[in-house]
Amino acid sequence: MSRLIALLGRETALAWGRGGGPLVAVGFYAGVATLLPLAIGPEPQRLAAIATGAAWVALALASLLSLERLFERDYEDGALDLLTLSPTPLELTCFVKCLGQWLATGAPLAAAAPVAALGLGAPLELAPLIFGCALLGGLAFAFMGGIGAALSLGARRGGLLTAVIVLPLFAPPVIFGGGAMDSFVSGLPWRGGLALLGAYAAAAVALGPLAMAAACRNALS
């Protein structure tokens, strides 16, 4: 357990310092929320209609920024070889790496999501649901993004390849989370969308480390 806690601390610290850490992701998120009114006009009704969808798209894109170096840095300096040979199963190591990524980047983005959506005109009563959906969605983004980061190890332009791999995997959380929030605003049943989002996040957490470990072993072989 102490080894896992130490690994989680290491991964969180690396995620905070990797390419600017969460400040870059949150800054990108804020930039998208600021540019949207300039692009489509400042009318409150028009902005409110797209607030939840825009917040989700911005969250997905911001989550991509720090994925490229999730495994690449350890792959380049040989640390990944040591992690593979350590007594800790590589699947568990991949789980901890993605959890650290989520704590360092996903959680700050989830905190920024209600602020951005409210700034675009979303109703105030929607803020708790936005935060909860962003936490679950960020968890799915971190673990699904880890699959793309592992599959692109050693490839040229790995960041572009990672984006190509993971963007289709990011679609279900955007659909489920955005649908839940739209249903909430419209007064329709919304718990089904939230349950599907939670199920997708749980599947990503359970199955993602298996795919990541297999991809890492393939890259090292």
Foldseek 3Di string as FASTA:
>chain_A
DVVLVVLLVVLLVCQCVQPNWQVQLLVQLVVQLVCVCVVPHVDLVVLLVCLLLSLLVSLLVSLLPRLQVLCQVCVVVVVLVVCPVDPDHQLSSLLSNLVSNCVGHQLVSLVCSLVSSVSSNHDPVLSVLSSLLSSLLSLLSSLLLLLLNLLLHPPPPSSVSSCVRRVVVSVLSSVLSSQLSVCVVVVHDRVVSVVSSNVSSVCSSVCSSVSSSVSNVVSVD
